[in-house]
Amino acid sequence: MFEGISSQAYVYGMSAIAASIAVFTGFGAAIGQGLAAGKAVEAVGRQPEAKGDIIQTMILGQAVAETTGIYGLVVAIILLIVQPFNL
């Protein structure tokens, strides 16, 4: 199928592409956290007496959103560091 490319080079290239795609999960997490913070500020503006509950819920939601970005980073690091042909 790929006459000029060795299978090892092909796997390394695909690992690099997959790692770059995995890193893009950080963008989704950042957008989600920004939207959550914006909505929390709006909610506090409407009901200042519920500030503690709103902030606590926002921080919990942002922690969950951040884990997706961290998982993407871990997957990218694994794809770049693990050498599949040296097992």
N, C-alpha and C. Protein backbone atom coordinates (compact mmCIF):
# COMPACT_ATOMS: atom_id res chain seq x y z
N MET A 1 0.82 -1.19 0.00
CA MET A 1 0.00 0.00 0.00
C MET A 1 0.87 1.26 0.00
N PHE A 2 1.80 1.34 0.93
CA PHE A 2 2.72 2.47 0.99
C PHE A 2 4.12 1.93 0.68
N GLU A 3 4.48 1.94 -0.60
CA GLU A 3 5.75 1.33 -0.99
C GLU A 3 6.97 2.08 -0.45
N GLY A 4 6.93 3.41 -0.44
CA GLY A 4 8.10 4.19 -0.04
C GLY A 4 8.21 4.42 1.45
N ILE A 5 7.22 4.04 2.22
CA ILE A 5 7.21 4.31 3.66
C ILE A 5 7.31 3.00 4.42
N SER A 6 8.24 2.95 5.37
CA SER A 6 8.32 1.75 6.20
C SER A 6 7.17 1.75 7.21
N SER A 7 6.80 0.58 7.67
CA SER A 7 5.69 0.48 8.61
C SER A 7 6.02 1.18 9.92
N GLN A 8 7.28 1.17 10.32
CA GLN A 8 7.68 1.83 11.56
C GLN A 8 7.50 3.35 11.44
N ALA A 9 7.94 3.92 10.34
CA ALA A 9 7.78 5.36 10.13
C ALA A 9 6.30 5.75 10.04
N TYR A 10 5.51 4.88 9.44
CA TYR A 10 4.07 5.13 9.32
C TYR A 10 3.42 5.17 10.70
N VAL A 11 3.76 4.22 11.56
CA VAL A 11 3.19 4.17 12.90
C VAL A 11 3.62 5.38 13.71
N TYR A 12 4.88 5.78 13.60
CA TYR A 12 5.35 6.97 14.32
C TYR A 12 4.63 8.22 13.83
N GLY A 13 4.43 8.32 12.55
CA GLY A 13 3.72 9.47 11.99
C GLY A 13 2.27 9.53 12.44
N MET A 14 1.62 8.38 12.43
CA MET A 14 0.22 8.34 12.87
C MET A 14 0.13 8.61 14.37
N SER A 15 1.13 8.19 15.15
CA SER A 15 1.14 8.49 16.58
C SER A 15 1.26 9.99 16.82
N ALA A 16 2.06 10.67 16.02
CA ALA A 16 2.21 12.12 16.16
C ALA A 16 0.91 12.84 15.79
N ILE A 17 0.24 12.38 14.75
CA ILE A 17 -1.03 12.99 14.36
C ILE A 17 -2.09 12.74 15.44
N ALA A 18 -2.15 11.54 15.96
CA ALA A 18 -3.11 11.22 17.02
C ALA A 18 -2.83 12.03 18.28
N ALA A 19 -1.56 12.25 18.59
CA ALA A 19 -1.20 13.04 19.77
C ALA A 19 -1.65 14.49 19.59
N SER A 20 -1.49 15.03 18.39
CA SER A 20 -1.93 16.41 18.16
C SER A 20 -3.43 16.53 18.25
N ILE A 21 -4.16 15.53 17.80
CA ILE A 21 -5.62 15.55 17.92
C ILE A 21 -6.02 15.44 19.39
N ALA A 22 -5.32 14.63 20.16
CA ALA A 22 -5.64 14.47 21.58
C ALA A 22 -5.41 15.76 22.36
N VAL A 23 -4.43 16.55 21.95
CA VAL A 23 -4.14 17.80 22.63
C VAL A 23 -5.28 18.81 22.42
N PHE A 24 -6.00 18.70 21.33
CA PHE A 24 -7.10 19.63 21.06
C PHE A 24 -8.24 19.50 22.05
N THR A 25 -8.27 18.45 22.86
CA THR A 25 -9.31 18.35 23.88
C THR A 25 -9.18 19.48 24.91
N GLY A 26 -7.98 20.02 25.02
CA GLY A 26 -7.77 21.15 25.93
C GLY A 26 -8.55 22.38 25.51
N PHE A 27 -8.76 22.56 24.21
CA PHE A 27 -9.53 23.71 23.73
C PHE A 27 -10.99 23.59 24.15
N GLY A 28 -11.54 22.40 24.04
CA GLY A 28 -12.93 22.20 24.47
C GLY A 28 -13.11 22.43 25.95
N ALA A 29 -12.16 21.97 26.74
CA ALA A 29 -12.22 22.18 28.19
C ALA A 29 -12.13 23.67 28.52
N ALA A 30 -11.27 24.39 27.83
CA ALA A 30 -11.12 25.82 28.09
C ALA A 30 -12.38 26.59 27.72
N ILE A 31 -13.00 26.24 26.61
CA ILE A 31 -14.23 26.91 26.20
C ILE A 31 -15.33 26.62 27.22
N GLY A 32 -15.44 25.37 27.65
CA GLY A 32 -16.45 25.01 28.64
C GLY A 32 -16.26 25.72 29.96
N GLN A 33 -15.02 25.86 30.40
CA GLN A 33 -14.75 26.55 31.65
C GLN A 33 -15.06 28.03 31.55
N GLY A 34 -14.75 28.61 30.41
CA GLY A 34 -15.06 30.03 30.21
C GLY A 34 -16.55 30.29 30.22
N LEU A 35 -17.30 29.43 29.55
CA LEU A 35 -18.76 29.58 29.55
C LEU A 35 -19.33 29.40 30.96
N ALA A 36 -18.82 28.43 31.70
CA ALA A 36 -19.30 28.20 33.07
C ALA A 36 -19.01 29.40 33.97
N ALA A 37 -17.82 29.97 33.84
CA ALA A 37 -17.48 31.14 34.66
C ALA A 37 -18.36 32.33 34.30
N GLY A 38 -18.60 32.52 33.01
CA GLY A 38 -19.47 33.62 32.58
C GLY A 38 -20.88 33.48 33.11
N LYS A 39 -21.43 32.28 33.04
CA LYS A 39 -22.78 32.05 33.54
C LYS A 39 -22.83 32.19 35.07
N ALA A 40 -21.77 31.80 35.75
CA ALA A 40 -21.73 31.96 37.21
C ALA A 40 -21.72 33.43 37.59
N VAL A 41 -20.99 34.24 36.85
CA VAL A 41 -20.96 35.68 37.13
C VAL A 41 -22.35 36.29 36.91
N GLU A 42 -23.02 35.85 35.84
CA GLU A 42 -24.38 36.33 35.59
C GLU A 42 -25.32 35.93 36.73
N ALA A 43 -25.18 34.68 37.19
CA ALA A 43 -26.05 34.19 38.27
C ALA A 43 -25.80 34.95 39.57
N VAL A 44 -24.55 35.24 39.88
CA VAL A 44 -24.24 35.99 41.09
C VAL A 44 -24.77 37.41 40.97
N GLY A 45 -24.73 37.97 39.76
CA GLY A 45 -25.28 39.30 39.55
C GLY A 45 -26.78 39.35 39.78
N ARG A 46 -27.47 38.26 39.44
CA ARG A 46 -28.92 38.21 39.63
C ARG A 46 -29.30 37.90 41.08
N GLN A 47 -28.54 37.00 41.71
CA GLN A 47 -28.86 36.59 43.09
C GLN A 47 -27.59 36.61 43.95
N PRO A 48 -27.20 37.77 44.43
CA PRO A 48 -25.96 37.85 45.23
C PRO A 48 -26.00 37.03 46.51
N GLU A 49 -27.18 36.79 47.05
CA GLU A 49 -27.26 36.03 48.30
C GLU A 49 -26.92 34.56 48.11
N ALA A 50 -26.96 34.05 46.87
CA ALA A 50 -26.64 32.64 46.59
C ALA A 50 -25.22 32.47 46.07
N LYS A 51 -24.38 33.45 46.34
CA LYS A 51 -23.02 33.45 45.79
C LYS A 51 -22.24 32.20 46.17
N GLY A 52 -22.30 31.78 47.41
CA GLY A 52 -21.53 30.62 47.87
C GLY A 52 -21.90 29.34 47.14
N ASP A 53 -23.21 29.10 47.00
CA ASP A 53 -23.66 27.89 46.30
C ASP A 53 -23.28 27.93 44.82
N ILE A 54 -23.40 29.11 44.22
CA ILE A 54 -23.10 29.24 42.78
C ILE A 54 -21.61 29.00 42.54
N ILE A 55 -20.77 29.61 43.34
CA ILE A 55 -19.33 29.46 43.17
C ILE A 55 -18.90 28.01 43.43
N GLN A 56 -19.48 27.38 44.44
CA GLN A 56 -19.13 25.99 44.74
C GLN A 56 -19.50 25.07 43.58
N THR A 57 -20.68 25.25 43.01
CA THR A 57 -21.11 24.44 41.87
C THR A 57 -20.24 24.71 40.65
N MET A 58 -19.87 25.98 40.43
CA MET A 58 -19.04 26.33 39.29
C MET A 58 -17.66 25.67 39.41
N ILE A 59 -17.08 25.70 40.58
CA ILE A 59 -15.74 25.12 40.76
C ILE A 59 -15.78 23.61 40.56
N LEU A 60 -16.83 22.95 41.03
CA LEU A 60 -16.97 21.52 40.81
C LEU A 60 -17.10 21.21 39.32
N GLY A 61 -17.90 21.98 38.61
CA GLY A 61 -18.06 21.78 37.17
C GLY A 61 -16.77 22.03 36.40
N GLN A 62 -16.02 23.05 36.81
CA GLN A 62 -14.76 23.32 36.14
C GLN A 62 -13.72 22.25 36.42
N ALA A 63 -13.75 21.67 37.58
CA ALA A 63 -12.82 20.57 37.88
C ALA A 63 -13.11 19.37 37.00
N VAL A 64 -14.39 19.08 36.80
CA VAL A 64 -14.76 17.97 35.92
C VAL A 64 -14.37 18.27 34.48
N ALA A 65 -14.57 19.51 34.03
CA ALA A 65 -14.20 19.89 32.67
C ALA A 65 -12.69 19.83 32.47
N GLU A 66 -11.94 20.17 33.49
CA GLU A 66 -10.48 20.17 33.37
C GLU A 66 -9.93 18.76 33.22
N THR A 67 -10.61 17.78 33.80
CA THR A 67 -10.10 16.42 33.70
C THR A 67 -10.06 15.94 32.25
N THR A 68 -10.99 16.40 31.41
CA THR A 68 -10.96 15.98 30.01
C THR A 68 -9.71 16.51 29.32
N GLY A 69 -9.33 17.73 29.62
CA GLY A 69 -8.10 18.27 29.06
C GLY A 69 -6.86 17.54 29.55
N ILE A 70 -6.86 17.17 30.82
CA ILE A 70 -5.73 16.43 31.37
C ILE A 70 -5.64 15.04 30.76
N TYR A 71 -6.80 14.38 30.57
CA TYR A 71 -6.80 13.06 29.93
C TYR A 71 -6.24 13.16 28.51
N GLY A 72 -6.62 14.19 27.79
CA GLY A 72 -6.09 14.38 26.43
C GLY A 72 -4.58 14.57 26.43
N LEU A 73 -4.08 15.33 27.40
CA LEU A 73 -2.64 15.54 27.50
C LEU A 73 -1.92 14.24 27.83
N VAL A 74 -2.48 13.45 28.74
CA VAL A 74 -1.87 12.17 29.11
C VAL A 74 -1.83 11.23 27.91
N VAL A 75 -2.92 11.17 27.16
CA VAL A 75 -2.96 10.32 25.97
C VAL A 75 -1.92 10.79 24.96
N ALA A 76 -1.78 12.10 24.76
CA ALA A 76 -0.78 12.62 23.83
C ALA A 76 0.63 12.27 24.27
N ILE A 77 0.92 12.40 25.55
CA ILE A 77 2.25 12.05 26.05
C ILE A 77 2.53 10.57 25.87
N ILE A 78 1.54 9.73 26.16
CA ILE A 78 1.72 8.29 25.98
C ILE A 78 1.99 7.96 24.52
N LEU A 79 1.24 8.60 23.62
CA LEU A 79 1.42 8.32 22.18
C LEU A 79 2.81 8.74 21.69
N LEU A 80 3.35 9.80 22.27
CA LEU A 80 4.65 10.27 21.82
C LEU A 80 5.83 9.57 22.49
N ILE A 81 5.65 9.09 23.71
CA ILE A 81 6.77 8.51 24.45
C ILE A 81 6.86 7.01 24.26
N VAL A 82 5.75 6.32 24.27
CA VAL A 82 5.77 4.86 24.16
C VAL A 82 6.28 4.46 22.78
N GLN A 83 7.24 3.60 22.74
CA GLN A 83 7.81 3.11 21.49
C GLN A 83 7.22 1.74 21.18
N PRO A 84 6.28 1.65 20.24
CA PRO A 84 5.59 0.38 20.02
C PRO A 84 6.49 -0.73 19.46
N PHE A 85 7.62 -0.39 18.85
CA PHE A 85 8.46 -1.39 18.25
C PHE A 85 9.57 -1.89 19.18
N ASN A 86 9.64 -1.33 20.39
CA ASN A 86 10.68 -1.74 21.34
C ASN A 86 10.14 -2.63 22.44
N LEU A 87 8.97 -3.19 22.26
CA LEU A 87 8.36 -4.02 23.31
C LEU A 87 8.96 -5.41 23.33
